[in-house]
Amino acid sequence: MARLASPVRKRDRMSEAALAPAPVQDLPAARLVDLVDEISSGLDEPTWLRDWRHAALRRALDTPWPSGKEEEWRRTPPERLPRRAESALPPSSNGAAPTHLFAPRDRAALLHHVGGRAVNAALRSDLEAGGLLLAPLSQAAREHPALVQRWLGSTHAPAFDRYGALGAALWTQGMFCYVPAGLQVDHSVFHLTSQPADGSDLWAYTLVAAERESAVSVIEAAAGPADDLRDDGRAPFVHHTVELAAEDAANIQFATVQRWSQDTAALTTAVAAIGRDAQLRYNSVSIGADLDKQRIDLELAQPGGHADLHGVFAGRGHQHIEHITRQHHSGLNASSELLVRGVLTDESHAVQYGVIRIDPGGQKTSAFQTMRNLLLDAGAGADPIPILEIEADDVKCSHAAAVGPVSADQLFYLQSRGIPPAIAERMVVRGFLAEVVDEIADQHLREVIDELIEAQLQIPHTVVSE
């Protein structure tokens, strides 16, 4: 039988608020300084990059851990949030990649990290000749120092909180994708990440820079084993920093799909800087992890820029999924759209806290937000919270938010035409997510997302017999 949620209710947060935060497990400051040196030396980085890491570490040590009272943190279950700064170079061998990762044959380039170590890299020869670069970030810093120095930290991605600053200091897995001016990359660039086999923490850094009038599609897929990874009572922790820089009239299509192990705590700190008349689409697909919290900022400081931020998620069990987003307009005649859709089962919970911020210089801005949550079980819940902060008087802005169960009328309509209940529910879920999934340009990625969502929600993938 299809599962019908009870009438929409606000989740009772009192019991969670009473739970103690996870204990702080920082290494001593002197040990962290040594650790940064060990990471930089182990990755054979130039001196300037080691110094850059140390500057980030100083910011981190000067910044307290979130207390849970901050607006962007008070809905995050404190007992599930690791508060530790640990990192280590990956071993020379870290096991095989899980089968959940994918990369079709028709691709522009591929970089694959297993447990933080690069194990495979391939770049199409004609694109390499045209100047496309895809490489581990430390390697790029050695071989192309001027390029990496120009772009690394250019969006101020690590500046938000202690996690972001630590992410800039402690990353061991880095990816740099550079597209020179005028180059139009005709197929997607793939970056695949496998979770460390021993359940250790993973700090990752992604940097994508597209010069003027260039175009590129970058797809990042991350996966881990389905079973628990640690037996010491601590959740595996993943932090991912993403910097996207699109120069004037550039076009970046960026998609990230994660299916981490179900006991992982995953945090993302992402910033996209959109130049004059540039285009950006950021697609986020969240399937795995126990806690998945994403902070994504769109910076539109130049005239005519446009950015789309589209999110899809599927939650089950006791998963907690958060999207903390900011559409910041300070440039003239720019536009942005946020569209997040998710499906929740069991006792999973989602939060969408989205801010549209328009500065006085952001006249003629068009900015919109839509947050919709579909509940398949009575225990599931969601809190969509759209916020508008407008200091300009010639703008178009709107927001919409909804939480609700599967429509009984839709299920009745489908079942009255001979469609079994489980298949009817699958069709409703697929139709609900189609507005986001179907707009992803890569067909292979769309098919993978459909399969992952159906497996996550345990919806049978069955063809109705005639």
Protein backbone atom coordinates (compact mmCIF):
# COMPACT_ATOMS: atom_id res chain seq x y z
CA MET A 1 0.00 0.00 0.00
CA ALA A 2 1.10 3.53 -0.63
CA ARG A 3 2.05 5.46 2.47
CA LEU A 4 0.07 8.55 3.33
CA ALA A 5 1.49 11.18 5.64
CA SER A 6 -0.60 12.67 8.38
CA PRO A 7 -1.60 16.35 8.17
CA VAL A 8 1.41 18.62 8.01
CA ARG A 9 2.87 19.48 11.37
CA LYS A 10 5.91 21.31 12.68
CA ARG A 11 8.43 18.88 14.09
CA ASP A 12 8.88 19.09 17.82
CA ARG A 13 12.46 20.28 18.31
CA MET A 14 12.40 20.47 22.10
CA SER A 15 13.82 17.01 22.67
CA GLU A 16 16.64 17.65 20.20
CA ALA A 17 17.43 21.05 21.71
CA ALA A 18 17.94 19.36 25.06
CA LEU A 19 20.52 16.98 23.66
CA ALA A 20 24.12 17.91 24.32
CA PRO A 21 26.31 18.87 21.37
CA ALA A 22 28.97 16.43 20.25
CA PRO A 23 32.10 16.99 22.34
CA VAL A 24 34.89 19.10 20.91
CA GLN A 25 37.70 16.83 19.76
CA ASP A 26 40.24 19.34 18.49
CA LEU A 27 43.89 18.53 18.34
CA PRO A 28 46.09 21.03 20.19
CA ALA A 29 46.85 24.15 18.16
CA ALA A 30 50.55 23.28 17.89
CA ARG A 31 49.65 19.84 16.58
CA LEU A 32 47.35 21.37 13.97
CA VAL A 33 50.18 23.61 12.79
CA ASP A 34 52.40 20.55 12.42
CA LEU A 35 49.57 18.68 10.69
CA VAL A 36 49.22 21.39 8.04
CA ASP A 37 52.97 21.14 7.39
CA GLU A 38 52.73 17.36 7.13
CA ILE A 39 49.84 17.53 4.66
CA SER A 40 51.51 20.17 2.51
CA SER A 41 54.83 18.34 2.53
CA GLY A 42 53.20 14.99 1.81
CA LEU A 43 51.41 16.47 -1.21
CA ASP A 44 54.65 18.12 -2.39
CA GLU A 45 53.09 21.58 -2.43
CA PRO A 46 54.87 24.86 -3.12
CA THR A 47 55.65 27.17 -0.22
CA TRP A 48 52.96 29.68 -1.14
CA LEU A 49 50.21 27.03 -0.84
CA ARG A 50 51.52 25.87 2.53
CA ASP A 51 51.41 29.50 3.71
CA TRP A 52 47.86 29.82 2.35
CA ARG A 53 46.84 26.81 4.42
CA HIS A 54 48.42 28.27 7.56
CA ALA A 55 46.53 31.54 7.06
CA ALA A 56 43.30 29.54 6.89
CA LEU A 57 44.23 27.62 10.03
CA ARG A 58 44.79 30.90 11.91
CA ARG A 59 41.30 32.01 10.90
CA ALA A 60 39.90 28.71 12.10
CA LEU A 61 41.62 28.91 15.49
CA ASP A 62 40.28 32.45 15.92
CA THR A 63 36.72 31.32 15.13
CA PRO A 64 34.61 29.40 17.66
CA TRP A 65 32.66 26.29 16.83
CA PRO A 66 28.96 26.94 16.13
CA SER A 67 27.11 27.17 19.42
CA GLY A 68 23.75 26.15 17.97
CA LYS A 69 22.27 29.57 18.73
CA GLU A 70 23.20 31.03 15.34
CA GLU A 71 20.29 31.28 12.92
CA GLU A 72 21.96 29.01 10.39
CA TRP A 73 22.84 26.35 12.97
CA ARG A 74 19.99 26.23 15.45
CA ARG A 75 18.00 23.67 13.42
CA THR A 76 20.94 21.29 13.09
CA PRO A 77 20.83 18.38 15.58
CA PRO A 78 23.84 19.22 17.79
CA GLU A 79 24.55 15.64 18.80
CA ARG A 80 25.06 14.65 15.15
CA LEU A 81 27.49 17.44 14.30
CA PRO A 82 31.15 16.42 14.69
CA ARG A 83 33.25 19.20 16.18
CA ARG A 84 36.75 18.06 15.46
CA ALA A 85 39.74 19.01 13.36
CA GLU A 86 41.44 15.84 12.20
CA SER A 87 43.00 15.03 8.88
CA ALA A 88 45.56 12.65 7.46
CA LEU A 89 47.16 11.93 4.13
CA PRO A 90 45.47 8.97 2.43
CA PRO A 91 47.42 5.72 2.29
CA SER A 92 48.93 4.55 -0.96
CA SER A 93 46.10 2.04 -1.38
CA ASN A 94 42.59 2.59 -0.05
CA GLY A 95 40.53 -0.17 -1.59
CA ALA A 96 38.36 -0.30 -4.66
CA ALA A 97 35.78 2.27 -5.64
CA PRO A 98 32.14 1.48 -4.86
CA THR A 99 29.92 0.58 -7.77
CA HIS A 100 27.66 3.60 -7.18
CA LEU A 101 30.10 5.87 -9.01
CA PHE A 102 29.76 6.40 -12.70
CA ALA A 103 31.28 8.12 -15.70
CA PRO A 104 30.02 7.51 -19.24
CA ARG A 105 32.39 6.96 -22.13
CA ASP A 106 31.39 10.23 -23.77
CA ARG A 107 33.17 12.61 -21.43
CA ALA A 108 35.63 15.47 -21.70
CA ALA A 109 37.79 14.50 -18.73
CA LEU A 110 37.85 12.31 -15.63
CA LEU A 111 39.52 12.56 -12.24
CA HIS A 112 38.91 9.85 -9.64
CA HIS A 113 39.85 9.97 -5.97
CA VAL A 114 39.62 6.87 -3.76
CA GLY A 115 39.81 7.74 -0.08
CA GLY A 116 41.36 11.09 -0.95
CA ARG A 117 44.10 9.76 -3.26
CA ALA A 118 43.97 10.35 -7.01
CA VAL A 119 43.91 6.96 -8.73
CA ASN A 120 42.82 7.83 -12.26
CA ALA A 121 42.97 10.90 -14.48
CA ALA A 122 42.16 11.27 -18.16
CA LEU A 123 41.76 14.32 -20.38
CA ARG A 124 40.70 14.29 -24.01
CA SER A 125 43.69 15.25 -26.14
CA ASP A 126 41.95 17.93 -28.23
CA LEU A 127 40.64 19.67 -25.10
CA GLU A 128 44.05 19.46 -23.44
CA ALA A 129 45.52 21.12 -26.52
CA GLY A 130 42.85 23.78 -26.22
CA GLY A 131 43.92 24.59 -22.65
CA LEU A 132 41.42 22.66 -20.52
CA LEU A 133 42.98 21.59 -17.24
CA LEU A 134 41.71 18.97 -14.80
CA ALA A 135 44.11 17.85 -12.10
CA PRO A 136 44.51 17.28 -8.36
CA LEU A 137 44.75 20.70 -6.76
CA SER A 138 48.20 20.17 -5.23
CA GLN A 139 49.58 19.00 -8.57
CA ALA A 140 48.07 22.01 -10.33
CA ALA A 141 49.65 24.31 -7.72
CA ARG A 142 53.07 22.88 -8.61
CA GLU A 143 52.66 22.84 -12.37
CA HIS A 144 50.46 25.91 -12.90
CA PRO A 145 51.12 28.13 -9.87
CA ALA A 146 49.99 31.40 -11.48
CA LEU A 147 46.59 29.96 -12.39
CA VAL A 148 45.92 28.41 -9.00
CA GLN A 149 47.10 31.50 -7.12
CA ARG A 150 44.78 33.62 -9.24
CA TRP A 151 41.67 31.59 -8.44
CA LEU A 152 42.16 29.82 -5.11
CA GLY A 153 40.14 31.66 -2.47
CA SER A 154 38.92 34.24 -5.00
CA THR A 155 35.29 33.73 -3.94
CA HIS A 156 36.16 33.83 -0.21
CA ALA A 157 34.54 30.41 0.18
CA PRO A 158 36.32 29.47 3.43
CA ALA A 159 35.38 32.64 5.28
CA PHE A 160 31.99 31.68 6.74
CA ASP A 161 32.72 29.64 9.87
CA ARG A 162 35.21 27.37 11.59
CA TYR A 163 34.36 24.42 9.36
CA GLY A 164 35.02 26.44 6.22
CA ALA A 165 38.34 27.75 7.51
CA LEU A 166 39.43 24.27 8.57
CA GLY A 167 38.41 22.97 5.16
CA ALA A 168 40.85 25.41 3.53
CA ALA A 169 43.64 24.37 5.90
CA LEU A 170 43.23 20.60 6.12
CA TRP A 171 42.06 19.35 2.73
CA THR A 172 43.91 16.36 1.36
CA GLN A 173 41.70 15.78 -1.67
CA GLY A 174 41.68 18.68 -4.10
CA MET A 175 40.42 19.16 -7.63
CA PHE A 176 41.18 22.05 -10.01
CA CYS A 177 39.29 22.52 -13.27
CA TYR A 178 40.33 25.46 -15.44
CA VAL A 179 38.70 26.51 -18.71
CA PRO A 180 40.55 29.15 -20.76
CA ALA A 181 38.81 32.05 -22.45
CA GLY A 182 36.58 31.08 -25.35
CA LEU A 183 36.82 27.31 -24.93
CA GLN A 184 33.45 25.55 -25.21
CA VAL A 185 33.74 22.08 -23.65
CA ASP A 186 31.28 19.84 -25.47
CA HIS A 187 31.01 16.97 -22.95
CA SER A 188 30.95 16.83 -19.16
CA VAL A 189 34.01 16.79 -16.91
CA PHE A 190 33.66 14.10 -14.22
CA HIS A 191 35.17 14.08 -10.73
CA LEU A 192 34.48 10.92 -8.72
CA THR A 193 35.12 10.51 -4.99
CA SER A 194 35.05 7.29 -2.95
CA GLN A 195 34.78 7.52 0.82
CA PRO A 196 37.82 6.34 2.81
CA ALA A 197 37.49 2.61 3.41
CA ASP A 198 38.52 2.92 7.07
CA GLY A 199 35.88 5.53 7.90
CA SER A 200 38.40 8.29 8.54
CA ASP A 201 37.53 11.95 8.01
CA LEU A 202 37.76 13.43 4.53
CA TRP A 203 38.44 17.09 3.76
CA ALA A 204 37.97 17.95 0.09
CA TYR A 205 38.39 21.11 -1.98
CA THR A 206 36.96 21.72 -5.46
CA LEU A 207 37.95 24.74 -7.54
CA VAL A 208 36.39 25.45 -10.95
CA ALA A 209 37.41 28.56 -12.89
CA ALA A 210 35.89 29.47 -16.27
CA GLU A 211 37.39 32.44 -18.08
CA ARG A 212 35.36 34.84 -20.22
CA GLU A 213 33.10 33.39 -22.92
CA SER A 214 33.95 29.79 -22.01
CA ALA A 215 31.56 26.97 -21.15
CA VAL A 216 31.92 23.78 -19.12
CA SER A 217 29.80 21.16 -17.38
CA VAL A 218 31.35 19.61 -14.25
CA ILE A 219 29.77 16.62 -12.51
CA GLU A 220 30.99 15.48 -9.10
CA ALA A 221 29.78 12.15 -7.74
CA ALA A 222 30.65 10.88 -4.27
CA ALA A 223 29.80 7.53 -2.74
CA GLY A 224 30.61 5.26 0.15
CA PRO A 225 29.66 1.77 1.31
CA ALA A 226 26.16 1.31 2.61
CA ASP A 227 27.22 -0.22 5.94
CA ASP A 228 28.65 1.47 9.03
CA LEU A 229 32.31 2.35 8.78
CA ARG A 230 33.48 2.90 12.36
CA ASP A 231 33.21 0.91 15.56
CA ASP A 232 34.47 3.63 17.93
CA GLY A 233 31.11 5.37 18.25
CA ARG A 234 32.09 8.33 16.06
CA ALA A 235 30.41 9.15 12.79
CA PRO A 236 32.62 9.46 9.73
CA PHE A 237 32.96 13.12 8.78
CA VAL A 238 33.22 14.68 5.32
CA HIS A 239 33.73 18.38 4.62
CA HIS A 240 33.64 19.64 1.05
CA THR A 241 34.61 23.16 -0.02
CA VAL A 242 33.45 24.26 -3.48
CA GLU A 243 34.57 27.39 -5.31
CA LEU A 244 33.03 28.25 -8.67
CA ALA A 245 34.22 31.32 -10.55
CA ALA A 246 32.56 32.32 -13.83
CA GLU A 247 34.12 35.29 -15.61
CA ASP A 248 32.21 37.60 -17.95
CA ALA A 249 29.87 35.72 -20.34
CA ALA A 250 31.12 32.33 -19.09
CA ASN A 251 28.77 29.39 -18.51
CA ILE A 252 29.30 26.83 -15.74
CA GLN A 253 27.00 23.85 -15.26
CA PHE A 254 27.91 22.21 -11.95
CA ALA A 255 26.23 19.12 -10.51
CA THR A 256 27.09 17.30 -7.31
CA VAL A 257 25.59 13.95 -6.35
CA GLN A 258 26.37 12.30 -3.01
CA ARG A 259 25.49 8.88 -1.68
CA TRP A 260 27.72 8.75 1.39
CA SER A 261 27.42 5.90 3.86
CA GLN A 262 24.33 6.19 6.00
CA ASP A 263 26.20 7.05 9.23
CA THR A 264 28.27 9.90 7.75
CA ALA A 265 28.07 13.54 8.79
CA ALA A 266 28.62 15.61 5.63
CA LEU A 267 29.05 19.39 5.44
CA THR A 268 29.45 21.50 2.30
CA THR A 269 30.71 25.08 2.05
CA ALA A 270 30.14 26.39 -1.48
CA VAL A 271 30.38 29.79 -3.15
CA ALA A 272 29.79 30.71 -6.78
CA ALA A 273 30.91 34.11 -8.10
CA ILE A 274 29.09 35.06 -11.31
CA GLY A 275 30.61 37.67 -13.64
CA ARG A 276 29.02 40.12 -16.05
CA ASP A 277 26.46 38.35 -18.27
CA ALA A 278 27.73 34.99 -16.98
CA GLN A 279 25.54 31.95 -16.41
CA LEU A 280 25.69 29.36 -13.64
CA ARG A 281 23.58 26.34 -12.79
CA TYR A 282 24.30 24.52 -9.55
CA ASN A 283 22.52 21.17 -9.16
CA SER A 284 22.72 19.42 -5.79
CA VAL A 285 21.49 15.85 -5.31
CA SER A 286 21.55 14.44 -1.76
CA ILE A 287 20.86 10.77 -1.17
CA GLY A 288 23.13 9.40 1.57
CA ALA A 289 24.60 10.48 4.93
CA ASP A 290 23.01 10.67 8.35
CA LEU A 291 23.50 14.45 8.43
CA ASP A 292 23.87 16.40 5.19
CA LYS A 293 24.18 20.16 5.65
CA GLN A 294 25.00 22.37 2.67
CA ARG A 295 25.82 26.07 2.78
CA ILE A 296 25.65 27.44 -0.80
CA ASP A 297 26.13 31.10 -1.69
CA LEU A 298 25.51 32.73 -5.06
CA GLU A 299 27.36 36.02 -5.47
CA LEU A 300 25.98 38.20 -8.27
CA ALA A 301 28.03 41.39 -8.10
CA GLN A 302 28.18 42.12 -11.84
CA PRO A 303 25.49 43.33 -14.28
CA GLY A 304 23.48 40.79 -16.22
CA GLY A 305 24.59 37.65 -14.40
CA HIS A 306 22.21 34.74 -13.89
CA ALA A 307 22.36 31.79 -11.48
CA ASP A 308 20.11 28.79 -10.85
CA LEU A 309 20.41 26.73 -7.69
CA HIS A 310 18.41 23.52 -7.97
CA GLY A 311 18.36 20.86 -5.28
CA VAL A 312 16.92 17.35 -5.06
CA PHE A 313 17.01 15.10 -2.01
CA ALA A 314 15.55 11.85 -0.75
CA GLY A 315 15.56 11.11 2.96
CA ARG A 316 14.81 7.96 4.93
CA GLY A 317 15.35 6.59 8.42
CA HIS A 318 16.47 9.42 10.72
CA GLN A 319 18.36 11.42 8.11
CA HIS A 320 18.64 15.18 8.55
CA ILE A 321 19.11 17.20 5.34
CA GLU A 322 19.70 20.97 5.30
CA HIS A 323 20.08 23.50 2.53
CA ILE A 324 21.31 26.88 3.77
CA THR A 325 21.35 29.12 0.71
CA ARG A 326 22.02 32.77 -0.08
CA GLN A 327 21.28 34.58 -3.32
CA HIS A 328 23.26 37.78 -2.92
CA HIS A 329 22.58 40.50 -5.49
CA SER A 330 24.73 43.61 -5.56
CA GLY A 331 24.99 44.01 -9.34
CA LEU A 332 22.54 45.67 -11.70
CA ASN A 333 19.98 43.67 -13.70
CA ALA A 334 21.02 40.22 -12.50
CA SER A 335 18.74 37.26 -11.79
CA SER A 336 18.66 34.07 -9.76
CA GLU A 337 16.34 31.19 -9.00
CA LEU A 338 16.27 28.67 -6.17
CA LEU A 339 14.26 25.49 -6.65
CA VAL A 340 14.53 22.70 -4.05
CA ARG A 341 12.36 19.59 -4.05
CA GLY A 342 12.67 16.64 -1.74
CA VAL A 343 10.91 13.44 -0.71
CA LEU A 344 11.02 12.18 2.89
CA THR A 345 10.11 8.84 4.43
CA ASP A 346 10.24 7.23 7.90
CA GLU A 347 11.38 9.89 10.42
CA SER A 348 13.69 11.84 8.17
CA HIS A 349 13.69 15.61 8.35
CA ALA A 350 14.66 18.47 6.04
CA VAL A 351 15.38 22.16 6.47
CA GLN A 352 15.62 24.77 3.74
CA TYR A 353 16.74 28.17 4.98
CA GLY A 354 17.05 30.39 1.94
CA VAL A 355 17.91 34.10 1.88
CA ILE A 356 17.55 36.47 -1.05
CA ARG A 357 19.71 39.49 -0.23
CA ILE A 358 19.54 42.53 -2.54
CA ASP A 359 21.89 45.42 -1.83
CA PRO A 360 21.04 49.01 -2.81
CA GLY A 361 23.06 48.58 -6.01
CA GLY A 362 21.06 45.54 -7.08
CA GLN A 363 18.39 47.42 -9.00
CA LYS A 364 16.32 45.54 -11.62
CA THR A 365 17.07 42.24 -9.89
CA SER A 366 14.82 39.24 -10.50
CA ALA A 367 15.16 36.63 -7.77
CA PHE A 368 12.88 33.75 -6.84
CA GLN A 369 12.70 30.88 -4.35
CA THR A 370 10.62 27.69 -4.38
CA MET A 371 10.91 25.02 -1.68
CA ARG A 372 8.65 21.96 -1.78
CA ASN A 373 8.71 18.83 0.37
CA LEU A 374 6.75 15.62 -0.19
CA LEU A 375 6.14 13.46 2.90
CA LEU A 376 5.58 9.74 2.37
CA ASP A 377 5.27 8.84 6.06
CA ALA A 378 3.63 10.40 9.10
CA GLY A 379 6.94 10.61 10.98
CA ALA A 380 8.72 12.66 8.32
CA GLY A 381 8.92 16.45 8.57
CA ALA A 382 10.27 19.56 6.88
CA ASP A 383 10.89 23.23 7.64
CA PRO A 384 11.13 25.43 4.54
CA ILE A 385 12.10 28.99 5.53
CA PRO A 386 12.38 31.58 2.74
CA ILE A 387 13.79 34.99 3.70
CA LEU A 388 13.84 38.25 1.71
CA GLU A 389 16.23 41.11 2.56
CA ILE A 390 15.69 43.87 0.00
CA GLU A 391 17.29 47.31 -0.03
CA ALA A 392 16.51 48.21 -3.65
CA ASP A 393 13.19 49.53 -4.92
CA ASP A 394 13.12 48.27 -8.53
CA VAL A 395 13.16 44.49 -8.19
CA LYS A 396 11.05 41.39 -8.79
CA CYS A 397 11.16 38.86 -5.97
CA SER A 398 8.92 36.05 -4.80
CA HIS A 399 9.08 32.94 -2.68
CA ALA A 400 6.98 29.84 -2.19
CA ALA A 401 7.25 27.01 0.32
CA ALA A 402 5.15 23.91 0.85
CA VAL A 403 5.14 20.69 2.88
CA GLY A 404 2.56 18.00 2.31
CA PRO A 405 1.74 14.33 1.84
CA VAL A 406 1.17 12.43 -1.37
CA SER A 407 -2.14 13.46 -2.86
CA ALA A 408 -4.78 10.83 -2.18
CA ASP A 409 -6.62 11.99 -5.30
CA GLN A 410 -3.57 11.34 -7.48
CA LEU A 411 -3.11 7.86 -6.04
CA PHE A 412 -6.81 7.05 -6.43
CA TYR A 413 -6.76 8.26 -10.04
CA LEU A 414 -3.80 6.04 -10.93
CA GLN A 415 -5.04 3.00 -9.03
CA SER A 416 -8.49 3.28 -10.57
CA ARG A 417 -6.79 2.68 -13.90
CA GLY A 418 -5.26 -0.58 -12.76
CA ILE A 419 -1.88 0.68 -11.56
CA PRO A 420 -0.69 -1.12 -8.39
CA PRO A 421 -0.27 1.10 -5.30
CA ALA A 422 3.53 0.85 -5.16
CA ILE A 423 3.86 1.79 -8.83
CA ALA A 424 1.36 4.62 -8.40
CA GLU A 425 3.46 6.02 -5.57
CA ARG A 426 6.60 5.74 -7.70
CA MET A 427 4.94 7.67 -10.51
CA VAL A 428 3.81 10.44 -8.15
CA VAL A 429 7.29 10.78 -6.64
CA ARG A 430 8.95 10.82 -10.05
CA GLY A 431 6.53 13.46 -11.29
CA PHE A 432 7.12 15.58 -8.18
CA LEU A 433 10.90 15.59 -8.73
CA ALA A 434 10.75 15.86 -12.51
CA GLU A 435 10.81 19.67 -12.55
CA VAL A 436 14.36 19.58 -11.17
CA VAL A 437 15.76 16.27 -12.44
CA ASP A 438 14.60 16.64 -16.02
CA GLU A 439 16.39 19.98 -16.39
CA ILE A 440 19.80 18.37 -15.79
CA ALA A 441 21.51 18.42 -19.16
CA ASP A 442 23.40 15.12 -18.85
CA GLN A 443 21.06 12.24 -19.70
CA HIS A 444 23.25 9.61 -18.06
CA LEU A 445 23.24 11.61 -14.83
CA ARG A 446 19.44 11.89 -14.91
CA GLU A 447 19.13 8.11 -15.19
CA VAL A 448 21.55 7.53 -12.31
CA ILE A 449 19.66 10.01 -10.11
CA ASP A 450 16.36 8.24 -10.79
CA GLU A 451 17.87 4.89 -9.82
CA LEU A 452 19.47 6.25 -6.65
CA ILE A 453 16.24 7.93 -5.50
CA GLU A 454 14.16 4.81 -6.09
CA ALA A 455 16.67 2.68 -4.18
CA GLN A 456 16.84 5.21 -1.33
CA LEU A 457 13.08 5.40 -0.94
CA GLN A 458 12.67 1.66 -1.55
CA ILE A 459 10.17 2.29 -4.31
CA PRO A 460 9.91 -0.70 -6.64
CA HIS A 461 11.17 -0.08 -10.15
CA THR A 462 8.56 -2.27 -11.83
CA VAL A 463 6.84 -2.03 -15.18
CA VAL A 464 3.06 -2.45 -15.05
CA SER A 465 2.13 -5.57 -17.00
CA GLU A 466 -0.43 -5.24 -19.73
